[in-house]
C-alpha atoms as a PDB file:
ATOM      1  CA  MET A   1     -10.474  -6.383 -15.260  1.00  0.00           C
ATOM      2  CA  GLU A   2      -9.437  -9.980 -14.726  1.00  0.00           C
ATOM      3  CA  LYS A   3      -9.212 -11.528 -11.300  1.00  0.00           C
ATOM      4  CA  VAL A   4      -6.109 -10.228  -9.515  1.00  0.00           C
ATOM      5  CA  ILE A   5      -3.669 -13.032  -8.791  1.00  0.00           C
ATOM      6  CA  TYR A   6      -1.352 -13.080  -5.799  1.00  0.00           C
ATOM      7  CA  ARG A   7       2.304 -12.634  -6.667  1.00  0.00           C
ATOM      8  CA  THR A   8       5.295 -12.603  -4.375  1.00  0.00           C
ATOM      9  CA  PRO A   9       7.233  -9.366  -3.868  1.00  0.00           C
ATOM     10  CA  GLN A  10      10.010 -10.855  -6.013  1.00  0.00           C
ATOM     11  CA  GLU A  11       7.575 -11.573  -8.865  1.00  0.00           C
ATOM     12  CA  LEU A  12       6.095  -8.082  -8.538  1.00  0.00           C
ATOM     13  CA  ARG A  13       9.563  -6.496  -8.627  1.00  0.00           C
ATOM     14  CA  GLN A  14      10.394  -8.424 -11.785  1.00  0.00           C
ATOM     15  CA  THR A  15       7.118  -7.318 -13.361  1.00  0.00           C
ATOM     16  CA  ALA A  16       7.802  -3.693 -12.369  1.00  0.00           C
ATOM     17  CA  ILE A  17      11.274  -3.889 -13.916  1.00  0.00           C
ATOM     18  CA  ARG A  18       9.888  -5.483 -17.079  1.00  0.00           C
ATOM     19  CA  ASN A  19       7.191  -2.764 -17.357  1.00  0.00           C
ATOM     20  CA  LYS A  20       9.418   0.135 -16.285  1.00  0.00           C
ATOM     21  CA  LYS A  21       9.463   2.025 -19.607  1.00  0.00           C
ATOM     22  CA  GLU A  22       5.736   1.588 -20.137  1.00  0.00           C
ATOM     23  CA  THR A  23       5.000   2.736 -16.581  1.00  0.00           C
ATOM     24  CA  GLU A  24       7.314   5.748 -16.858  1.00  0.00           C
ATOM     25  CA  ARG A  25       5.569   6.720 -20.114  1.00  0.00           C
ATOM     26  CA  LEU A  26       2.190   6.367 -18.412  1.00  0.00           C
ATOM     27  CA  ILE A  27       3.243   8.449 -15.404  1.00  0.00           C
ATOM     28  CA  SER A  28       4.658  11.156 -17.629  1.00  0.00           C
ATOM     29  CA  LEU A  29       1.508  11.261 -19.738  1.00  0.00           C
ATOM     30  CA  LEU A  30      -0.886  11.302 -16.775  1.00  0.00           C
ATOM     31  CA  SER A  31       1.200  13.899 -14.917  1.00  0.00           C
ATOM     32  CA  ARG A  32       1.143  16.232 -17.918  1.00  0.00           C
ATOM     33  CA  LYS A  33      -2.457  15.768 -18.996  1.00  0.00           C
ATOM     34  CA  LYS A  34      -4.131  15.153 -15.623  1.00  0.00           C
ATOM     35  CA  PRO A  35      -7.198  13.571 -17.268  1.00  0.00           C
ATOM     36  CA  ALA A  36     -10.440  14.813 -15.745  1.00  0.00           C
ATOM     37  CA  ASN A  37     -11.781  11.268 -15.449  1.00  0.00           C
ATOM     38  CA  LEU A  38      -8.614   9.694 -13.980  1.00  0.00           C
ATOM     39  CA  ASP A  39     -10.006   9.361 -10.449  1.00  0.00           C
ATOM     40  CA  GLU A  40     -13.222   7.818 -11.762  1.00  0.00           C
ATOM     41  CA  VAL A  41     -11.287   5.319 -13.888  1.00  0.00           C
ATOM     42  CA  VAL A  42      -8.872   4.392 -11.077  1.00  0.00           C
ATOM     43  CA  HIS A  43     -11.671   4.062  -8.512  1.00  0.00           C
ATOM     44  CA  THR A  44     -13.594   1.749 -10.853  1.00  0.00           C
ATOM     45  CA  LEU A  45     -10.483  -0.369 -11.363  1.00  0.00           C
ATOM     46  CA  HIS A  46      -9.907  -0.361  -7.596  1.00  0.00           C
ATOM     47  CA  GLN A  47     -13.445  -1.591  -6.884  1.00  0.00           C
ATOM     48  CA  GLU A  48     -13.238  -4.269  -9.573  1.00  0.00           C
ATOM     49  CA  ALA A  49      -9.863  -5.495  -8.346  1.00  0.00           C
ATOM     50  CA  PHE A  50     -10.792  -5.673  -4.688  1.00  0.00           C
ATOM     51  CA  ALA A  51     -14.063  -7.409  -5.516  1.00  0.00           C
ATOM     52  CA  SER A  52     -11.991 -10.364  -6.696  1.00  0.00           C
ATOM     53  CA  PHE A  53      -8.881 -10.160  -4.503  1.00  0.00           C
ATOM     54  CA  ASP A  54      -8.533 -11.131  -0.868  1.00  0.00           C
ATOM     55  CA  CYS A  55      -5.699  -9.250   0.831  1.00  0.00           C
ATOM     56  CA  LEU A  56      -5.410 -12.080   3.370  1.00  0.00           C
ATOM     57  CA  THR A  57      -4.001 -14.315   0.632  1.00  0.00           C
ATOM     58  CA  CYS A  58      -1.163 -11.840   0.162  1.00  0.00           C
ATOM     59  CA  ALA A  59      -0.239  -9.455   3.010  1.00  0.00           C
ATOM     60  CA  ASN A  60       2.872  -8.360   1.067  1.00  0.00           C
ATOM     61  CA  CYS A  61       2.400  -4.856   2.424  1.00  0.00           C
ATOM     62  CA  CYS A  62       2.467  -6.086   6.033  1.00  0.00           C
ATOM     63  CA  LYS A  63       5.410  -8.382   5.330  1.00  0.00           C
ATOM     64  CA  THR A  64       7.682  -6.031   3.431  1.00  0.00           C
ATOM     65  CA  ILE A  65       6.910  -2.352   4.012  1.00  0.00           C
ATOM     66  CA  GLY A  66       6.135  -0.367   7.105  1.00  0.00           C
ATOM     67  CA  PRO A  67       3.593   2.388   7.553  1.00  0.00           C
ATOM     68  CA  ARG A  68       4.546   5.835   8.724  1.00  0.00           C
ATOM     69  CA  LEU A  69       3.033   6.108  12.191  1.00  0.00           C
ATOM     70  CA  THR A  70       1.383   9.154  13.692  1.00  0.00           C
ATOM     71  CA  ALA A  71       1.205   9.970  17.382  1.00  0.00           C
ATOM     72  CA  GLN A  72      -2.525   9.183  17.235  1.00  0.00           C
ATOM     73  CA  ASP A  73      -1.808   5.765  15.690  1.00  0.00           C
ATOM     74  CA  ILE A  74       0.659   4.934  18.430  1.00  0.00           C
ATOM     75  CA  GLU A  75      -1.624   6.135  21.233  1.00  0.00           C
ATOM     76  CA  ARG A  76      -4.578   4.189  19.815  1.00  0.00           C
ATOM     77  CA  MET A  77      -2.599   0.919  19.480  1.00  0.00           C
ATOM     78  CA  ALA A  78      -0.953   1.302  22.897  1.00  0.00           C
ATOM     79  CA  LYS A  79      -4.354   1.859  24.528  1.00  0.00           C
ATOM     80  CA  PHE A  80      -5.798  -1.176  22.760  1.00  0.00           C
ATOM     81  CA  LEU A  81      -2.844  -3.300  23.922  1.00  0.00           C
ATOM     82  CA  LYS A  82      -3.168  -1.832  27.429  1.00  0.00           C
ATOM     83  CA  MET A  83       0.398  -0.539  27.294  1.00  0.00           C
ATOM     84  CA  LYS A  84       1.940   2.741  28.264  1.00  0.00           C
ATOM     85  CA  VAL A  85       2.780   4.778  25.196  1.00  0.00           C
ATOM     86  CA  THR A  86       6.446   4.921  26.261  1.00  0.00           C
ATOM     87  CA  ASP A  87       6.548   1.127  26.524  1.00  0.00           C
ATOM     88  CA  PHE A  88       4.892   0.789  23.109  1.00  0.00           C
ATOM     89  CA  TYR A  89       7.534   3.109  21.641  1.00  0.00           C
ATOM     90  CA  SER A  90      10.415   1.153  23.155  1.00  0.00           C
ATOM     91  CA  GLN A  91       9.023  -2.229  22.137  1.00  0.00           C
ATOM     92  CA  TYR A  92       7.694  -1.530  18.632  1.00  0.00           C
ATOM     93  CA  ILE A  93       8.828   1.829  17.205  1.00  0.00           C
ATOM     94  CA  MET A  94      11.926   3.320  15.620  1.00  0.00           C
ATOM     95  CA  ALA A  95      12.725   6.389  13.533  1.00  0.00           C
ATOM     96  CA  ASP A  96      13.695   5.658   9.927  1.00  0.00           C
ATOM     97  CA  GLU A  97      16.251   7.480   7.775  1.00  0.00           C
ATOM     98  CA  ASP A  98      13.743  10.313   7.224  1.00  0.00           C
ATOM     99  CA  ASP A  99      12.995  10.529  10.961  1.00  0.00           C
ATOM    100  CA  ASP A 100       9.514   9.116  10.371  1.00  0.00           C
ATOM    101  CA  LEU A 101       8.212   6.791  13.070  1.00  0.00           C
ATOM    102  CA  VAL A 102       7.819   3.230  11.795  1.00  0.00           C
ATOM    103  CA  PHE A 103       7.625  -0.280  13.213  1.00  0.00           C
ATOM    104  CA  ALA A 104      11.037  -1.503  14.249  1.00  0.00           C
ATOM    105  CA  SER A 105      10.625  -4.890  12.592  1.00  0.00           C
ATOM    106  CA  HIS A 106       9.349  -6.530   9.422  1.00  0.00           C
ATOM    107  CA  PRO A 107       7.059  -8.231   8.952  1.00  0.00           C
ATOM    108  CA  CYS A 108       4.710  -6.062  10.985  1.00  0.00           C
ATOM    109  CA  PRO A 109       4.792  -7.169  14.619  1.00  0.00           C
ATOM    110  CA  PHE A 110       0.987  -7.393  14.585  1.00  0.00           C
ATOM    111  CA  LEU A 111       0.720  -9.691  11.536  1.00  0.00           C
ATOM    112  CA  GLY A 112      -0.282 -13.215  12.473  1.00  0.00           C
ATOM    113  CA  PRO A 113       0.697 -16.418  10.658  1.00  0.00           C
ATOM    114  CA  ASP A 114      -2.796 -16.428   9.125  1.00  0.00           C
ATOM    115  CA  ASN A 115      -2.126 -12.922   7.668  1.00  0.00           C
ATOM    116  CA  LEU A 116      -4.638 -11.411  10.090  1.00  0.00           C
ATOM    117  CA  CYS A 117      -3.777  -8.181  11.898  1.00  0.00           C
ATOM    118  CA  SER A 118      -4.096  -8.409  15.663  1.00  0.00           C
ATOM    119  CA  VAL A 119      -4.714  -4.636  15.913  1.00  0.00           C
ATOM    120  CA  TYR A 120      -6.871  -4.374  12.787  1.00  0.00           C
ATOM    121  CA  GLU A 121      -9.519  -2.028  14.189  1.00  0.00           C
ATOM    122  CA  GLN A 122      -6.770   0.208  15.605  1.00  0.00           C
ATOM    123  CA  ARG A 123      -4.314  -0.157  12.702  1.00  0.00           C
ATOM    124  CA  PRO A 124      -2.364   2.910  11.570  1.00  0.00           C
ATOM    125  CA  LYS A 125      -3.939   5.409   9.208  1.00  0.00           C
ATOM    126  CA  ALA A 126      -1.376   4.513   6.527  1.00  0.00           C
ATOM    127  CA  CYS A 127      -2.502   0.874   6.696  1.00  0.00           C
ATOM    128  CA  ARG A 128      -6.160   1.903   6.460  1.00  0.00           C
ATOM    129  CA  GLU A 129      -5.454   3.908   3.313  1.00  0.00           C
ATOM    130  CA  TYR A 130      -3.082   1.489   1.567  1.00  0.00           C
ATOM    131  CA  PRO A 131      -2.713   1.016  -1.399  1.00  0.00           C
ATOM    132  CA  HIS A 132      -4.151   4.513  -1.991  1.00  0.00           C
ATOM    133  CA  THR A 133      -5.855   3.597  -5.257  1.00  0.00           C
ATOM    134  CA  ASP A 134      -9.193   4.913  -4.015  1.00  0.00           C
ATOM    135  CA  ARG A 135      -8.021   8.399  -3.088  1.00  0.00           C
ATOM    136  CA  LYS A 136      -8.822  11.649  -4.889  1.00  0.00           C
ATOM    137  CA  ARG A 137      -6.287  13.358  -7.190  1.00  0.00           C
ATOM    138  CA  PHE A 138      -4.617  10.067  -8.070  1.00  0.00           C
ATOM    139  CA  TYR A 139      -2.273  11.938 -10.422  1.00  0.00           C
ATOM    140  CA  GLN A 140      -0.528  13.274  -7.276  1.00  0.00           C
ATOM    141  CA  ILE A 141       0.589   9.795  -6.231  1.00  0.00           C
ATOM    142  CA  LEU A 142       1.611   8.298  -9.549  1.00  0.00           C
ATOM    143  CA  GLU A 143       5.235   7.806  -8.439  1.00  0.00           C
ATOM    144  CA  LEU A 144       4.132   6.244  -5.166  1.00  0.00           C
ATOM    145  CA  SER A 145       1.765   3.936  -7.066  1.00  0.00           C
ATOM    146  CA  HIS A 146       4.629   2.919  -9.338  1.00  0.00           C
ATOM    147  CA  LYS A 147       6.665   2.021  -6.242  1.00  0.00           C
ATOM    148  CA  ASN A 148       3.669   0.185  -4.733  1.00  0.00           C
ATOM    149  CA  CYS A 149       3.586  -2.032  -7.843  1.00  0.00           C
ATOM    150  CA  GLU A 150       6.501  -3.875  -6.255  1.00  0.00           C
ATOM    151  CA  THR A 151       4.401  -4.759  -3.210  1.00  0.00           C
ATOM    152  CA  CYS A 152       0.740  -4.902  -4.146  1.00  0.00           C
ATOM    153  CA  PRO A 153      -0.596  -7.057  -6.990  1.00  0.00           C
ATOM    154  CA  VAL A 154      -3.720  -4.894  -7.130  1.00  0.00           C
ATOM    155  CA  VAL A 155      -1.716  -1.736  -7.782  1.00  0.00           C
ATOM    156  CA  CYS A 156       0.365  -3.576 -10.349  1.00  0.00           C
ATOM    157  CA  ASP A 157      -2.779  -4.639 -12.213  1.00  0.00           C
ATOM    158  CA  ILE A 158      -4.418  -1.205 -11.931  1.00  0.00           C
ATOM    159  CA  MET A 159      -1.335   0.460 -13.415  1.00  0.00           C
ATOM    160  CA  SER A 160      -1.315  -2.128 -16.242  1.00  0.00           C
ATOM    161  CA  GLU A 161      -4.985  -1.411 -16.954  1.00  0.00           C
ATOM    162  CA  LEU A 162      -4.317   2.338 -16.940  1.00  0.00           C
ATOM    163  CA  ALA A 163      -1.560   1.829 -19.510  1.00  0.00           C
ATOM    164  CA  LYS A 164      -4.114   0.114 -21.791  1.00  0.00           C
ATOM    165  CA  ILE A 165      -6.619   2.964 -21.358  1.00  0.00           C
ATOM    166  CA  TYR A 166      -4.264   5.916 -21.684  1.00  0.00           C
END
């Protein structure tokens, strides 16, 4: 896999639109066949991509999408910031259209101008797991990965590589 190159969310959206039919074909194929080696292939692509890509050059995820927050995430961040949980809720949290708890603002309130996270060690579980390309049963998140192509250049490149393989 070539070195992953940073692209803006707008560029990624345009690429996702341009590759929409190919990606839909790939998702349909992988959903039906559920290749036994899919996780191994995706995990290899994930490792190769992140070996040559520095998320700090990008931070599109922190700038444009918000993680779903758990009670444990909120308690952990509030404790780290030496805040009462109720104060943390009122200052940083809102319920979205699905009633999931998310940060009330974008970009993430903890993202610095240098793209560093000021609560990195206590960041939400969803942030720790993003972009999910190293998880098991990747076929279960094909639609999510397609959506993540609009945010993460690594996911975009992994999906492109998968289309070449399958």
